Amino acid sequence: MELEIDVKVTSSDLYDYLLYHTYTGFSGMLGTLVGVFLIMAFLATKYIIYLIAGIVLIAYMPCSLFLKAKQQVINNPVFKESLHYKMTEDGISVSQGENEETQSWESCVKAVSTGRSIILYTSRTTASIFPKRDLGEKKEALIQAISTHMPPQKVKIRF
């Protein structure tokens, strides 16, 4: 089995990843929950400060992640060119220009999907992002490669 894919990660792809990563984690859920409680406190007490604090808490994270994604794409040279991925029986290699990195399947943490991308976590905080628009007919082959080489409990990909 060998699968090769070229992807170009845009700021909207990175934003999609950051939203998923943040809101499936503890801090994202806690911030939203506190924001909702503050809005509920406003409804019960009519203290406007609760409403303002609740809206700020709920709106802050998506806005800051949007700006972070834009800045990263502008400032990080990795996002300037396409990334070339090669999946083999041994693992995944990613190259761009002269640089190449390889990672074994065993070291992959998890694989998930969002509406826009398939995300392969290579550590708790880093991931390879495969925008679905770049996958075309290779989407099913990518899902098959991931599902074949990773334990089922680590793969949460919806079609």
C-alpha atoms as a PDB file:
ATOM      1  CA  MET A   1       0.000   0.000   0.000  1.00  0.00           C
ATOM      2  CA  GLU A   2       1.310   3.395  -0.954  1.00  0.00           C
ATOM      3  CA  LEU A   3      -0.766   6.550  -1.099  1.00  0.00           C
ATOM      4  CA  GLU A   4       0.488  10.004  -2.043  1.00  0.00           C
ATOM      5  CA  ILE A   5      -1.467  13.206  -1.412  1.00  0.00           C
ATOM      6  CA  ASP A   6      -0.641  16.883  -1.873  1.00  0.00           C
ATOM      7  CA  VAL A   7      -2.465  19.341   0.382  1.00  0.00           C
ATOM      8  CA  LYS A   8      -2.416  23.097   0.810  1.00  0.00           C
ATOM      9  CA  VAL A   9      -3.561  24.174   4.263  1.00  0.00           C
ATOM     10  CA  THR A  10      -5.329  27.549   4.232  1.00  0.00           C
ATOM     11  CA  SER A  11      -6.260  29.774   7.158  1.00  0.00           C
ATOM     12  CA  SER A  12      -9.828  28.417   7.064  1.00  0.00           C
ATOM     13  CA  ASP A  13      -8.501  24.833   7.248  1.00  0.00           C
ATOM     14  CA  LEU A  14      -6.304  25.765  10.194  1.00  0.00           C
ATOM     15  CA  TYR A  15      -9.234  27.578  11.844  1.00  0.00           C
ATOM     16  CA  ASP A  16     -11.371  24.452  11.444  1.00  0.00           C
ATOM     17  CA  TYR A  17      -8.644  22.392  13.153  1.00  0.00           C
ATOM     18  CA  LEU A  18      -8.199  24.940  15.964  1.00  0.00           C
ATOM     19  CA  LEU A  19     -11.954  25.042  16.613  1.00  0.00           C
ATOM     20  CA  TYR A  20     -12.143  21.252  16.771  1.00  0.00           C
ATOM     21  CA  HIS A  21      -9.063  20.972  18.960  1.00  0.00           C
ATOM     22  CA  THR A  22     -10.218  23.685  21.370  1.00  0.00           C
ATOM     23  CA  TYR A  23     -13.878  22.766  21.718  1.00  0.00           C
ATOM     24  CA  THR A  24     -13.280  19.052  22.198  1.00  0.00           C
ATOM     25  CA  GLY A  25     -10.862  19.864  25.018  1.00  0.00           C
ATOM     26  CA  PHE A  26     -11.573  20.763  28.623  1.00  0.00           C
ATOM     27  CA  SER A  27     -10.800  24.490  28.449  1.00  0.00           C
ATOM     28  CA  GLY A  28     -13.038  25.111  25.422  1.00  0.00           C
ATOM     29  CA  MET A  29     -15.973  23.301  26.968  1.00  0.00           C
ATOM     30  CA  LEU A  30     -15.440  24.960  30.357  1.00  0.00           C
ATOM     31  CA  GLY A  31     -15.278  28.456  28.847  1.00  0.00           C
ATOM     32  CA  THR A  32     -18.512  27.895  26.938  1.00  0.00           C
ATOM     33  CA  LEU A  33     -20.234  26.416  29.977  1.00  0.00           C
ATOM     34  CA  VAL A  34     -19.234  29.363  32.197  1.00  0.00           C
ATOM     35  CA  GLY A  35     -20.421  31.759  29.473  1.00  0.00           C
ATOM     36  CA  VAL A  36     -23.812  30.046  29.334  1.00  0.00           C
ATOM     37  CA  PHE A  37     -24.124  30.153  33.138  1.00  0.00           C
ATOM     38  CA  LEU A  38     -23.331  33.874  33.129  1.00  0.00           C
ATOM     39  CA  ILE A  39     -26.050  34.518  30.540  1.00  0.00           C
ATOM     40  CA  MET A  40     -28.475  32.460  32.623  1.00  0.00           C
ATOM     41  CA  ALA A  41     -27.461  34.505  35.679  1.00  0.00           C
ATOM     42  CA  PHE A  42     -28.281  37.667  33.709  1.00  0.00           C
ATOM     43  CA  LEU A  43     -31.736  36.295  32.853  1.00  0.00           C
ATOM     44  CA  ALA A  44     -32.359  35.571  36.536  1.00  0.00           C
ATOM     45  CA  THR A  45     -30.923  38.786  38.015  1.00  0.00           C
ATOM     46  CA  LYS A  46     -31.010  41.306  35.122  1.00  0.00           C
ATOM     47  CA  TYR A  47     -27.446  42.430  36.008  1.00  0.00           C
ATOM     48  CA  ILE A  48     -26.043  43.521  32.647  1.00  0.00           C
ATOM     49  CA  ILE A  49     -22.479  42.674  33.682  1.00  0.00           C
ATOM     50  CA  TYR A  50     -23.398  38.960  33.639  1.00  0.00           C
ATOM     51  CA  LEU A  51     -24.678  39.277  30.065  1.00  0.00           C
ATOM     52  CA  ILE A  52     -21.568  41.129  28.914  1.00  0.00           C
ATOM     53  CA  ALA A  53     -19.209  38.664  30.621  1.00  0.00           C
ATOM     54  CA  GLY A  54     -21.131  35.684  29.195  1.00  0.00           C
ATOM     55  CA  ILE A  55     -21.065  37.019  25.644  1.00  0.00           C
ATOM     56  CA  VAL A  56     -17.375  37.895  25.909  1.00  0.00           C
ATOM     57  CA  LEU A  57     -16.528  34.410  27.201  1.00  0.00           C
ATOM     58  CA  ILE A  58     -18.498  32.676  24.451  1.00  0.00           C
ATOM     59  CA  ALA A  59     -17.346  34.955  21.608  1.00  0.00           C
ATOM     60  CA  TYR A  60     -13.709  35.433  22.633  1.00  0.00           C
ATOM     61  CA  MET A  61     -12.420  31.970  21.791  1.00  0.00           C
ATOM     62  CA  PRO A  62     -13.721  31.666  18.196  1.00  0.00           C
ATOM     63  CA  CYS A  63     -12.568  35.209  17.418  1.00  0.00           C
ATOM     64  CA  SER A  64      -9.103  34.690  18.872  1.00  0.00           C
ATOM     65  CA  LEU A  65      -8.737  31.332  17.082  1.00  0.00           C
ATOM     66  CA  PHE A  66      -9.730  32.963  13.799  1.00  0.00           C
ATOM     67  CA  LEU A  67      -7.056  35.633  14.229  1.00  0.00           C
ATOM     68  CA  LYS A  68      -4.496  33.021  15.335  1.00  0.00           C
ATOM     69  CA  ALA A  69      -5.156  30.915  12.212  1.00  0.00           C
ATOM     70  CA  LYS A  70      -4.781  33.971   9.949  1.00  0.00           C
ATOM     71  CA  GLN A  71      -1.506  34.990  11.640  1.00  0.00           C
ATOM     72  CA  GLN A  72      -0.032  31.477  11.529  1.00  0.00           C
ATOM     73  CA  VAL A  73      -0.737  31.105   7.818  1.00  0.00           C
ATOM     74  CA  ILE A  74       0.785  34.519   7.115  1.00  0.00           C
ATOM     75  CA  ASN A  75       3.868  34.085   9.335  1.00  0.00           C
ATOM     76  CA  ASN A  76       4.694  30.380   9.045  1.00  0.00           C
ATOM     77  CA  PRO A  77       6.544  29.364   5.861  1.00  0.00           C
ATOM     78  CA  VAL A  78       5.103  25.821   6.083  1.00  0.00           C
ATOM     79  CA  PHE A  79       1.744  27.185   4.919  1.00  0.00           C
ATOM     80  CA  LYS A  80       3.148  28.954   1.850  1.00  0.00           C
ATOM     81  CA  GLU A  81       3.512  25.792  -0.282  1.00  0.00           C
ATOM     82  CA  SER A  82       1.731  22.471  -0.593  1.00  0.00           C
ATOM     83  CA  LEU A  83       2.703  19.573   1.638  1.00  0.00           C
ATOM     84  CA  HIS A  84       3.350  16.181   0.060  1.00  0.00           C
ATOM     85  CA  TYR A  85       2.233  13.187   2.134  1.00  0.00           C
ATOM     86  CA  LYS A  86       3.211   9.600   1.431  1.00  0.00           C
ATOM     87  CA  MET A  87       1.499   6.811   3.377  1.00  0.00           C
ATOM     88  CA  THR A  88       3.205   3.424   3.390  1.00  0.00           C
ATOM     89  CA  GLU A  89       3.025   0.282   5.512  1.00  0.00           C
ATOM     90  CA  ASP A  90       5.760   1.720   7.745  1.00  0.00           C
ATOM     91  CA  GLY A  91       4.237   5.125   8.380  1.00  0.00           C
ATOM     92  CA  ILE A  92       3.629   8.595   7.037  1.00  0.00           C
ATOM     93  CA  SER A  93       6.175  10.927   5.540  1.00  0.00           C
ATOM     94  CA  VAL A  94       5.537  14.567   4.841  1.00  0.00           C
ATOM     95  CA  SER A  95       7.786  16.638   2.646  1.00  0.00           C
ATOM     96  CA  GLN A  96       8.011  20.194   1.445  1.00  0.00           C
ATOM     97  CA  GLY A  97      10.908  21.253  -0.692  1.00  0.00           C
ATOM     98  CA  GLU A  98      14.092  19.709   0.738  1.00  0.00           C
ATOM     99  CA  ASN A  99      12.578  18.956   4.158  1.00  0.00           C
ATOM    100  CA  GLU A 100      11.060  15.569   4.954  1.00  0.00           C
ATOM    101  CA  GLU A 101       9.794  14.009   8.183  1.00  0.00           C
ATOM    102  CA  THR A 102       8.596  10.475   8.761  1.00  0.00           C
ATOM    103  CA  GLN A 103       6.397   9.152  11.536  1.00  0.00           C
ATOM    104  CA  SER A 104       5.366   5.587  12.296  1.00  0.00           C
ATOM    105  CA  TRP A 105       1.703   4.666  12.431  1.00  0.00           C
ATOM    106  CA  GLU A 106       2.173   3.478  16.026  1.00  0.00           C
ATOM    107  CA  SER A 107       3.114   6.978  17.163  1.00  0.00           C
ATOM    108  CA  CYS A 108      -0.066   8.561  15.770  1.00  0.00           C
ATOM    109  CA  VAL A 109      -2.377   9.589  18.606  1.00  0.00           C
ATOM    110  CA  LYS A 110      -5.802   9.715  16.925  1.00  0.00           C
ATOM    111  CA  ALA A 111      -7.628  10.461  13.687  1.00  0.00           C
ATOM    112  CA  VAL A 112     -10.829  12.493  13.468  1.00  0.00           C
ATOM    113  CA  SER A 113     -12.905  14.261  10.862  1.00  0.00           C
ATOM    114  CA  THR A 114     -14.661  17.594  10.728  1.00  0.00           C
ATOM    115  CA  GLY A 115     -16.923  18.939   8.024  1.00  0.00           C
ATOM    116  CA  ARG A 116     -13.883  20.324   6.186  1.00  0.00           C
ATOM    117  CA  SER A 117     -10.961  18.020   6.994  1.00  0.00           C
ATOM    118  CA  ILE A 118      -9.561  14.734   8.133  1.00  0.00           C
ATOM    119  CA  ILE A 119      -7.178  15.381  11.009  1.00  0.00           C
ATOM    120  CA  LEU A 120      -4.422  12.952  11.961  1.00  0.00           C
ATOM    121  CA  TYR A 121      -2.975  13.827  15.364  1.00  0.00           C
ATOM    122  CA  THR A 122       0.752  13.123  15.480  1.00  0.00           C
ATOM    123  CA  SER A 123       0.945  14.210  19.137  1.00  0.00           C
ATOM    124  CA  ARG A 124      -1.515  15.612  21.678  1.00  0.00           C
ATOM    125  CA  THR A 125      -1.143  19.107  20.203  1.00  0.00           C
ATOM    126  CA  THR A 126       0.111  18.661  16.627  1.00  0.00           C
ATOM    127  CA  ALA A 127      -1.663  17.216  13.650  1.00  0.00           C
ATOM    128  CA  SER A 128      -1.616  16.702   9.930  1.00  0.00           C
ATOM    129  CA  ILE A 129      -4.608  18.388   8.329  1.00  0.00           C
ATOM    130  CA  PHE A 130      -6.042  16.884   5.150  1.00  0.00           C
ATOM    131  CA  PRO A 131      -8.595  19.312   3.676  1.00  0.00           C
ATOM    132  CA  LYS A 132     -11.335  17.269   1.995  1.00  0.00           C
ATOM    133  CA  ARG A 133     -11.271  19.541  -1.081  1.00  0.00           C
ATOM    134  CA  ASP A 134      -7.651  18.407  -1.741  1.00  0.00           C
ATOM    135  CA  LEU A 135      -8.394  14.710  -1.305  1.00  0.00           C
ATOM    136  CA  GLY A 136     -10.801  14.149  -4.185  1.00  0.00           C
ATOM    137  CA  GLU A 137     -11.071  10.440  -4.953  1.00  0.00           C
ATOM    138  CA  LYS A 138      -8.202   9.712  -2.539  1.00  0.00           C
ATOM    139  CA  LYS A 139     -10.398  10.469   0.488  1.00  0.00           C
ATOM    140  CA  GLU A 140     -11.596   6.892   0.872  1.00  0.00           C
ATOM    141  CA  ALA A 141      -8.074   5.530   0.349  1.00  0.00           C
ATOM    142  CA  LEU A 142      -6.781   7.852   3.094  1.00  0.00           C
ATOM    143  CA  ILE A 143      -9.518   6.758   5.498  1.00  0.00           C
ATOM    144  CA  GLN A 144      -8.767   3.130   4.656  1.00  0.00           C
ATOM    145  CA  ALA A 145      -5.016   3.618   5.243  1.00  0.00           C
ATOM    146  CA  ILE A 146      -5.644   5.279   8.606  1.00  0.00           C
ATOM    147  CA  SER A 147      -8.211   2.661   9.663  1.00  0.00           C
ATOM    148  CA  THR A 148      -5.919  -0.191   8.646  1.00  0.00           C
ATOM    149  CA  HIS A 149      -2.862   1.067  10.536  1.00  0.00           C
ATOM    150  CA  MET A 150      -4.402   2.576  13.672  1.00  0.00           C
ATOM    151  CA  PRO A 151      -6.425   0.884  16.427  1.00  0.00           C
ATOM    152  CA  PRO A 152     -10.206   1.387  15.980  1.00  0.00           C
ATOM    153  CA  GLN A 153     -10.549   3.268  19.301  1.00  0.00           C
ATOM    154  CA  LYS A 154      -8.184   5.956  17.972  1.00  0.00           C
ATOM    155  CA  VAL A 155     -10.126   6.519  14.734  1.00  0.00           C
ATOM    156  CA  LYS A 156     -13.220   8.729  14.810  1.00  0.00           C
ATOM    157  CA  ILE A 157     -13.772   9.562  11.160  1.00  0.00           C
ATOM    158  CA  ARG A 158     -17.269  10.167   9.791  1.00  0.00           C
ATOM    159  CA  PHE A 159     -17.840   9.883   6.052  1.00  0.00           C
END
